[in-house]
Every structure is written in C-alpha cells, then in structure tokens.
C-alpha atoms as a PDB file:
ATOM      1  CA  MET A   1      98.109 104.917 119.171  1.00  0.00           C
ATOM      2  CA  ALA A   2      97.013 101.550 120.459  1.00  0.00           C
ATOM      3  CA  TRP A   3      94.978 100.959 117.279  1.00  0.00           C
ATOM      4  CA  THR A   4      97.295 101.486 114.317  1.00  0.00           C
ATOM      5  CA  MET A   5      95.484 102.132 111.027  1.00  0.00           C
ATOM      6  CA  HIS A   6      96.848 101.102 107.621  1.00  0.00           C
ATOM      7  CA  TRP A   7      95.310 100.526 104.233  1.00  0.00           C
ATOM      8  CA  TYR A   8      95.403  96.806 103.475  1.00  0.00           C
ATOM      9  CA  ASP A   9      95.008  97.395  99.750  1.00  0.00           C
ATOM     10  CA  ASN A  10      96.336  99.985  97.292  1.00  0.00           C
ATOM     11  CA  VAL A  11      92.866 101.121  96.229  1.00  0.00           C
ATOM     12  CA  HIS A  12      91.911 102.048  99.801  1.00  0.00           C
ATOM     13  CA  THR A  13      88.882  99.808 100.245  1.00  0.00           C
ATOM     14  CA  ILE A  14      90.094  97.762 103.232  1.00  0.00           C
ATOM     15  CA  VAL A  15      91.270  99.384 106.460  1.00  0.00           C
ATOM     16  CA  LEU A  16      93.469  97.270 108.729  1.00  0.00           C
ATOM     17  CA  PHE A  17      93.541  98.149 112.422  1.00  0.00           C
ATOM     18  CA  THR A  18      96.262  96.444 114.448  1.00  0.00           C
ATOM     19  CA  VAL A  19      95.399  96.482 118.144  1.00  0.00           C
ATOM     20  CA  GLU A  20      98.272  96.732 120.588  1.00  0.00           C
ATOM     21  CA  LYS A  21      98.354  95.294 124.082  1.00  0.00           C
ATOM     22  CA  ASN A  22      96.617  97.360 126.790  1.00  0.00           C
ATOM     23  CA  SER A  23      94.372  99.283 124.403  1.00  0.00           C
ATOM     24  CA  THR A  24      91.483 101.211 125.954  1.00  0.00           C
ATOM     25  CA  TRP A  25      87.916 101.968 124.974  1.00  0.00           C
ATOM     26  CA  ASN A  26      89.070 105.484 124.074  1.00  0.00           C
ATOM     27  CA  ASP A  27      91.478 103.882 121.580  1.00  0.00           C
ATOM     28  CA  PHE A  28      88.553 101.901 120.140  1.00  0.00           C
ATOM     29  CA  HIS A  29      86.476 105.080 119.769  1.00  0.00           C
ATOM     30  CA  ASP A  30      89.395 106.929 118.147  1.00  0.00           C
ATOM     31  CA  ALA A  31      89.820 104.085 115.648  1.00  0.00           C
ATOM     32  CA  MET A  32      86.127 103.934 114.762  1.00  0.00           C
ATOM     33  CA  ASN A  33      86.064 107.734 114.414  1.00  0.00           C
ATOM     34  CA  ARG A  34      88.968 107.514 111.939  1.00  0.00           C
ATOM     35  CA  TYR A  35      87.039 104.838 110.037  1.00  0.00           C
ATOM     36  CA  ALA A  36      83.960 107.103 109.991  1.00  0.00           C
ATOM     37  CA  GLN A  37      86.098 109.942 108.587  1.00  0.00           C
ATOM     38  CA  GLU A  38      87.288 107.683 105.780  1.00  0.00           C
ATOM     39  CA  LEU A  39      83.676 106.700 105.032  1.00  0.00           C
ATOM     40  CA  GLU A  40      82.712 110.355 104.939  1.00  0.00           C
ATOM     41  CA  ASN A  41      85.500 111.208 102.479  1.00  0.00           C
ATOM     42  CA  THR A  42      84.516 108.707  99.786  1.00  0.00           C
ATOM     43  CA  THR A  43      81.587 106.924  98.208  1.00  0.00           C
ATOM     44  CA  LYS A  44      83.558 103.671  97.913  1.00  0.00           C
ATOM     45  CA  LYS A  45      82.580 100.847 100.240  1.00  0.00           C
ATOM     46  CA  ILE A  46      85.259 100.409 102.909  1.00  0.00           C
ATOM     47  CA  ASP A  47      85.630  97.137 104.795  1.00  0.00           C
ATOM     48  CA  VAL A  48      87.601  96.804 108.045  1.00  0.00           C
ATOM     49  CA  ILE A  49      89.861  94.132 109.468  1.00  0.00           C
ATOM     50  CA  ILE A  50      90.658  94.399 113.177  1.00  0.00           C
ATOM     51  CA  ASP A  51      93.730  92.346 114.069  1.00  0.00           C
ATOM     52  CA  ASP A  52      93.254  91.927 117.825  1.00  0.00           C
ATOM     53  CA  ARG A  53      95.426  89.323 119.522  1.00  0.00           C
ATOM     54  CA  PHE A  54      94.946  90.724 123.034  1.00  0.00           C
ATOM     55  CA  GLY A  55      91.198  90.879 123.644  1.00  0.00           C
ATOM     56  CA  LEU A  56      88.828  93.590 124.753  1.00  0.00           C
ATOM     57  CA  PRO A  57      89.744  96.461 127.067  1.00  0.00           C
ATOM     58  CA  SER A  58      88.442  96.181 130.611  1.00  0.00           C
ATOM     59  CA  GLY A  59      84.930  97.363 131.335  1.00  0.00           C
ATOM     60  CA  SER A  60      81.583  96.789 129.681  1.00  0.00           C
ATOM     61  CA  SER A  61      81.716  96.739 125.894  1.00  0.00           C
ATOM     62  CA  LEU A  62      77.979  97.185 125.318  1.00  0.00           C
ATOM     63  CA  PRO A  63      77.769 100.991 125.515  1.00  0.00           C
ATOM     64  CA  HIS A  64      80.891 101.386 123.364  1.00  0.00           C
ATOM     65  CA  LEU A  65      79.603  99.056 120.646  1.00  0.00           C
ATOM     66  CA  LYS A  66      76.206 100.753 120.689  1.00  0.00           C
ATOM     67  CA  VAL A  67      77.627 104.251 120.167  1.00  0.00           C
ATOM     68  CA  GLN A  68      79.928 103.264 117.323  1.00  0.00           C
ATOM     69  CA  MET A  69      77.558 100.940 115.459  1.00  0.00           C
ATOM     70  CA  LYS A  70      74.770 103.534 115.501  1.00  0.00           C
ATOM     71  CA  LYS A  71      77.197 106.085 114.040  1.00  0.00           C
ATOM     72  CA  LEU A  72      78.660 103.772 111.387  1.00  0.00           C
ATOM     73  CA  GLU A  73      75.409 102.291 110.110  1.00  0.00           C
ATOM     74  CA  LYS A  74      74.384 105.767 108.886  1.00  0.00           C
ATOM     75  CA  PHE A  75      76.981 105.500 106.105  1.00  0.00           C
ATOM     76  CA  GLU A  76      75.874 103.845 102.854  1.00  0.00           C
ATOM     77  CA  ASN A  77      79.449 102.679 102.225  1.00  0.00           C
ATOM     78  CA  PHE A  78      79.886 101.071 105.673  1.00  0.00           C
ATOM     79  CA  GLY A  79      81.419  97.702 104.879  1.00  0.00           C
ATOM     80  CA  LEU A  80      82.053  94.461 106.665  1.00  0.00           C
ATOM     81  CA  ILE A  81      83.965  94.561 109.961  1.00  0.00           C
ATOM     82  CA  VAL A  82      86.031  91.421 110.452  1.00  0.00           C
ATOM     83  CA  SER A  83      87.854  90.822 113.713  1.00  0.00           C
ATOM     84  CA  VAL A  84      90.825  88.454 113.662  1.00  0.00           C
ATOM     85  CA  SER A  85      90.977  87.223 117.257  1.00  0.00           C
ATOM     86  CA  ARG A  86      92.042  84.385 119.499  1.00  0.00           C
ATOM     87  CA  PRO A  87      89.311  81.722 119.818  1.00  0.00           C
ATOM     88  CA  THR A  88      88.563  82.625 123.472  1.00  0.00           C
ATOM     89  CA  THR A  89      88.300  86.314 122.613  1.00  0.00           C
ATOM     90  CA  MET A  90      86.173  85.458 119.605  1.00  0.00           C
ATOM     91  CA  SER A  91      83.573  83.452 121.507  1.00  0.00           C
ATOM     92  CA  PHE A  92      83.343  86.166 124.164  1.00  0.00           C
ATOM     93  CA  LEU A  93      82.853  88.832 121.484  1.00  0.00           C
ATOM     94  CA  LEU A  94      80.151  86.794 119.766  1.00  0.00           C
ATOM     95  CA  ASN A  95      78.277  86.566 123.075  1.00  0.00           C
ATOM     96  CA  ILE A  96      78.630  90.334 123.585  1.00  0.00           C
ATOM     97  CA  ILE A  97      77.299  91.038 120.100  1.00  0.00           C
ATOM     98  CA  GLU A  98      74.362  88.702 120.595  1.00  0.00           C
ATOM     99  CA  MET A  99      73.503  90.386 123.909  1.00  0.00           C
ATOM    100  CA  SER A 100      73.927  93.834 122.340  1.00  0.00           C
ATOM    101  CA  SER A 101      71.508  92.960 119.584  1.00  0.00           C
ATOM    102  CA  LYS A 102      68.879  91.821 122.060  1.00  0.00           C
ATOM    103  CA  PHE A 103      69.220  94.583 124.639  1.00  0.00           C
ATOM    104  CA  PHE A 104      70.056  97.609 122.512  1.00  0.00           C
ATOM    105  CA  GLY A 105      68.740  96.747 119.078  1.00  0.00           C
ATOM    106  CA  ILE A 106      72.221  96.915 117.561  1.00  0.00           C
ATOM    107  CA  ALA A 107      72.274  95.018 114.294  1.00  0.00           C
ATOM    108  CA  MET A 108      75.759  93.598 113.840  1.00  0.00           C
ATOM    109  CA  LYS A 109      74.927  92.103 110.463  1.00  0.00           C
ATOM    110  CA  LYS A 110      78.262  93.401 109.239  1.00  0.00           C
ATOM    111  CA  GLY A 111      80.423  92.083 112.086  1.00  0.00           C
ATOM    112  CA  VAL A 112      82.257  88.771 111.819  1.00  0.00           C
ATOM    113  CA  MET A 113      84.960  87.080 113.883  1.00  0.00           C
ATOM    114  CA  VAL A 114      87.593  84.781 112.366  1.00  0.00           C
ATOM    115  CA  LYS A 115      90.856  83.164 113.457  1.00  0.00           C
ATOM    116  CA  THR A 116      93.187  84.184 110.605  1.00  0.00           C
ATOM    117  CA  MET A 117      93.893  87.087 108.278  1.00  0.00           C
ATOM    118  CA  HIS A 118      93.372  84.735 105.323  1.00  0.00           C
ATOM    119  CA  GLU A 119      89.825  84.006 106.529  1.00  0.00           C
ATOM    120  CA  ALA A 120      89.181  87.746 106.918  1.00  0.00           C
ATOM    121  CA  ILE A 121      90.195  88.509 103.329  1.00  0.00           C
ATOM    122  CA  LYS A 122      88.176  85.566 102.020  1.00  0.00           C
ATOM    123  CA  LEU A 123      85.020  86.787 103.810  1.00  0.00           C
ATOM    124  CA  ILE A 124      85.455  90.290 102.418  1.00  0.00           C
ATOM    125  CA  GLU A 125      85.887  88.875  98.904  1.00  0.00           C
ATOM    126  CA  ILE A 126      82.725  86.776  99.300  1.00  0.00           C
ATOM    127  CA  SER A 127      80.794  89.766 100.668  1.00  0.00           C
ATOM    128  CA  ARG A 128      81.860  91.895  97.717  1.00  0.00           C
ATOM    129  CA  THR A 129      80.946  89.202  95.197  1.00  0.00           C
ATOM    130  CA  GLN A 130      77.478  88.816  96.746  1.00  0.00           C
ATOM    131  CA  ALA A 131      76.933  92.590  96.661  1.00  0.00           C
ATOM    132  CA  GLN A 132      77.416  92.759  92.875  1.00  0.00           C
END
C-alpha cells in the first residue's frame, strides 16, 4: 500500500499514515476509508498525521477531498488531520483547501499543514487540551 497505516501511540488515538512515492488518489481513498473504519469501531477521538514528503497525486484533488471530508465529518470522534509536508506541497495544499471550502462548502476546520512531526504532535496536544 502506498499509504502505510500505523498507530502513533499505544492507546490508539493517533493514526500515522506514511505516504510513499507515486501514491494515487485510490490510495488516498483507501487510507481515508481505513480511518473511517477505525472511527466507526470506537467512541474515542482519533487524530491523524499524514507524513507526505512527495506531494499530491496527479489530477484534481477537489473531488477527492470533497468525498472524504463529507464522509469523515459525520463521525463525532473525527479528530484533527495534520499533514507533515514539504513547504511547497504545503502551500499548494492550503490553496486547494481554501478553494474547496469556497466552491464545495467543505469545512476543513480540522485540517492543518506543518513542516515537522514534532509540530504535528504539538498541534494535536493543543487541540486535545482545548477540547477538555
């Protein structure tokens, strides 16, 4: 699989997806479907870190983001999705998300892009503290 899934923590509240080179949109959908299955199997909030050093698959991302975000936001325990990306990938993704929000009404309130894994963990910790 081009999106390898592991639990980042022992209590299974943070999923880590590692994206391999040449991943496809089908790989993205498979990964988000696995995340949705985990959400369905528990009441615990589950956050996600996507470690993507290679950038988006070719083709338009808007329809893919729309389908998955609409599915995931139905879950009460849908957590923060943090993408660890290269700065060029990150700025492109932020533009895509902004456009998606305007054109499709996708609220990516739970999506964040950062440069390092340390930043990703810190944001999740802050999000969890604020939720208490």
